[in-house]
Amino acid sequence: KDTIIKKYNFGSIPTTNAIFVDDEQIIWLGTINGLYKIKNNELVFLGKTEPILKFRINDINQVDNYLILATNGNGIIFFNKKNQQVYTINSA
């Protein structure tokens, strides 16, 4: 995390639980405050446009065009990277 902050000079990034680099070389950060991405040297907080993405993300993986996000209390989130739609699976 410190290397990413120094390389891109983003200042402060919330406590990060997961870092994932996808096949397009986009860096995804799962933090205590939600999901961020670094693309073209720009840090973007996805919780601004999709409220469920502003909660704690514990782990990130990818299958096809979907990021699979493990959360605290919000189940599993599938985030479509192409159209930015969100699908959730909640535990009963």
C-alpha atoms as a PDB file:
ATOM      1  CA  LYS A   1       0.000   0.000   0.000  1.00  0.00           C
ATOM      2  CA  ASP A   2       2.723   2.506   0.930  1.00  0.00           C
ATOM      3  CA  THR A   3       4.452   1.875  -2.400  1.00  0.00           C
ATOM      4  CA  ILE A   4       1.229   2.643  -4.297  1.00  0.00           C
ATOM      5  CA  ILE A   5       0.689   5.861  -2.344  1.00  0.00           C
ATOM      6  CA  LYS A   6       4.261   7.029  -2.960  1.00  0.00           C
ATOM      7  CA  LYS A   7       4.259   6.062  -6.636  1.00  0.00           C
ATOM      8  CA  TYR A   8       0.985   7.809  -7.440  1.00  0.00           C
ATOM      9  CA  ASN A   9       1.091  10.530  -4.741  1.00  0.00           C
ATOM     10  CA  PHE A  10      -2.556  10.086  -3.671  1.00  0.00           C
ATOM     11  CA  GLY A  11      -2.032  11.211  -0.123  1.00  0.00           C
ATOM     12  CA  SER A  12      -4.105   9.254   2.366  1.00  0.00           C
ATOM     13  CA  ILE A  13      -5.938   6.065   1.411  1.00  0.00           C
ATOM     14  CA  PRO A  14      -8.108   4.340   4.049  1.00  0.00           C
ATOM     15  CA  THR A  15      -6.876   1.139   5.675  1.00  0.00           C
ATOM     16  CA  THR A  16      -6.623  -1.328   2.805  1.00  0.00           C
ATOM     17  CA  ASN A  17      -7.624  -4.976   3.204  1.00  0.00           C
ATOM     18  CA  ALA A  18      -7.193  -6.142  -0.406  1.00  0.00           C
ATOM     19  CA  ILE A  19      -5.239  -5.084  -3.490  1.00  0.00           C
ATOM     20  CA  PHE A  20      -6.065  -6.610  -6.862  1.00  0.00           C
ATOM     21  CA  VAL A  21      -4.599  -5.848 -10.308  1.00  0.00           C
ATOM     22  CA  ASP A  22      -6.886  -6.923 -13.136  1.00  0.00           C
ATOM     23  CA  ASP A  23      -6.057  -7.934 -16.706  1.00  0.00           C
ATOM     24  CA  GLU A  24      -6.341  -4.282 -17.838  1.00  0.00           C
ATOM     25  CA  GLN A  25      -3.748  -3.250 -15.226  1.00  0.00           C
ATOM     26  CA  ILE A  26      -6.342  -1.393 -13.166  1.00  0.00           C
ATOM     27  CA  ILE A  27      -5.473  -1.490  -9.476  1.00  0.00           C
ATOM     28  CA  TRP A  28      -8.474  -2.195  -7.226  1.00  0.00           C
ATOM     29  CA  LEU A  29      -8.318  -1.421  -3.512  1.00  0.00           C
ATOM     30  CA  GLY A  30     -10.709  -2.957  -0.988  1.00  0.00           C
ATOM     31  CA  THR A  31     -10.654  -0.679   2.039  1.00  0.00           C
ATOM     32  CA  ILE A  32     -12.511  -0.167   5.290  1.00  0.00           C
ATOM     33  CA  ASN A  33     -14.392   2.627   3.474  1.00  0.00           C
ATOM     34  CA  GLY A  34     -15.228   0.696   0.305  1.00  0.00           C
ATOM     35  CA  LEU A  35     -13.910   0.131  -3.197  1.00  0.00           C
ATOM     36  CA  TYR A  36     -11.365   2.315  -4.985  1.00  0.00           C
ATOM     37  CA  LYS A  37      -9.669   1.927  -8.330  1.00  0.00           C
ATOM     38  CA  ILE A  38      -6.515   3.408  -9.767  1.00  0.00           C
ATOM     39  CA  LYS A  39      -6.684   3.824 -13.537  1.00  0.00           C
ATOM     40  CA  ASN A  40      -4.553   6.153 -15.644  1.00  0.00           C
ATOM     41  CA  ASN A  41      -2.923   7.514 -12.472  1.00  0.00           C
ATOM     42  CA  GLU A  42      -6.310   8.609 -11.117  1.00  0.00           C
ATOM     43  CA  LEU A  43      -7.770   7.394  -7.817  1.00  0.00           C
ATOM     44  CA  VAL A  44     -11.552   6.854  -8.059  1.00  0.00           C
ATOM     45  CA  PHE A  45     -13.875   6.036  -5.145  1.00  0.00           C
ATOM     46  CA  LEU A  46     -16.707   3.871  -6.460  1.00  0.00           C
ATOM     47  CA  GLY A  47     -18.847   4.390  -3.353  1.00  0.00           C
ATOM     48  CA  LYS A  48     -19.787   7.831  -4.688  1.00  0.00           C
ATOM     49  CA  THR A  49     -21.861   6.373  -7.505  1.00  0.00           C
ATOM     50  CA  GLU A  50     -22.862   3.033  -5.966  1.00  0.00           C
ATOM     51  CA  PRO A  51     -23.713   3.273  -2.237  1.00  0.00           C
ATOM     52  CA  ILE A  52     -23.147  -0.426  -1.443  1.00  0.00           C
ATOM     53  CA  LEU A  53     -19.519  -0.002  -2.561  1.00  0.00           C
ATOM     54  CA  LYS A  54     -18.803   2.404   0.303  1.00  0.00           C
ATOM     55  CA  PHE A  55     -18.732  -0.333   2.923  1.00  0.00           C
ATOM     56  CA  ARG A  56     -15.793  -2.456   4.066  1.00  0.00           C
ATOM     57  CA  ILE A  57     -14.298  -4.722   1.380  1.00  0.00           C
ATOM     58  CA  ASN A  58     -12.241  -7.633   2.731  1.00  0.00           C
ATOM     59  CA  ASP A  59     -11.144  -9.407  -0.448  1.00  0.00           C
ATOM     60  CA  ILE A  60     -11.244  -8.982  -4.236  1.00  0.00           C
ATOM     61  CA  ASN A  61     -11.117 -11.513  -7.056  1.00  0.00           C
ATOM     62  CA  GLN A  62     -12.245 -11.575 -10.668  1.00  0.00           C
ATOM     63  CA  VAL A  63     -14.225 -13.921 -12.914  1.00  0.00           C
ATOM     64  CA  ASP A  64     -14.744 -12.730 -16.493  1.00  0.00           C
ATOM     65  CA  ASN A  65     -15.879  -9.080 -16.337  1.00  0.00           C
ATOM     66  CA  TYR A  66     -16.957  -9.301 -12.696  1.00  0.00           C
ATOM     67  CA  LEU A  67     -15.044  -8.338  -9.615  1.00  0.00           C
ATOM     68  CA  ILE A  68     -16.109 -10.520  -6.713  1.00  0.00           C
ATOM     69  CA  LEU A  69     -16.004  -8.564  -3.474  1.00  0.00           C
ATOM     70  CA  ALA A  70     -16.166 -10.126  -0.021  1.00  0.00           C
ATOM     71  CA  THR A  71     -17.679  -7.694   2.478  1.00  0.00           C
ATOM     72  CA  ASN A  72     -18.483  -7.310   6.168  1.00  0.00           C
ATOM     73  CA  GLY A  73     -22.254  -7.530   6.540  1.00  0.00           C
ATOM     74  CA  ASN A  74     -23.197  -6.954   2.899  1.00  0.00           C
ATOM     75  CA  GLY A  75     -22.582 -10.471   1.593  1.00  0.00           C
ATOM     76  CA  ILE A  76     -20.784 -11.099  -1.671  1.00  0.00           C
ATOM     77  CA  ILE A  77     -20.903  -8.326  -4.264  1.00  0.00           C
ATOM     78  CA  PHE A  78     -20.464  -8.909  -7.988  1.00  0.00           C
ATOM     79  CA  PHE A  79     -19.324  -5.713  -9.705  1.00  0.00           C
ATOM     80  CA  ASN A  80     -19.529  -5.657 -13.500  1.00  0.00           C
ATOM     81  CA  LYS A  81     -16.467  -3.711 -14.627  1.00  0.00           C
ATOM     82  CA  LYS A  82     -17.918  -2.974 -18.080  1.00  0.00           C
ATOM     83  CA  ASN A  83     -21.271  -1.414 -17.138  1.00  0.00           C
ATOM     84  CA  GLN A  84     -20.587  -0.829 -13.405  1.00  0.00           C
ATOM     85  CA  GLN A  85     -23.747  -2.661 -12.308  1.00  0.00           C
ATOM     86  CA  VAL A  86     -23.771  -4.317  -8.894  1.00  0.00           C
ATOM     87  CA  TYR A  87     -25.319  -7.642  -7.886  1.00  0.00           C
ATOM     88  CA  THR A  88     -25.335  -8.947  -4.335  1.00  0.00           C
ATOM     89  CA  ILE A  89     -25.669 -12.305  -2.591  1.00  0.00           C
ATOM     90  CA  ASN A  90     -26.618 -11.911   1.059  1.00  0.00           C
ATOM     91  CA  SER A  91     -26.528 -14.614   3.683  1.00  0.00           C
ATOM     92  CA  ALA A  92     -29.845 -15.604   5.229  1.00  0.00           C
END
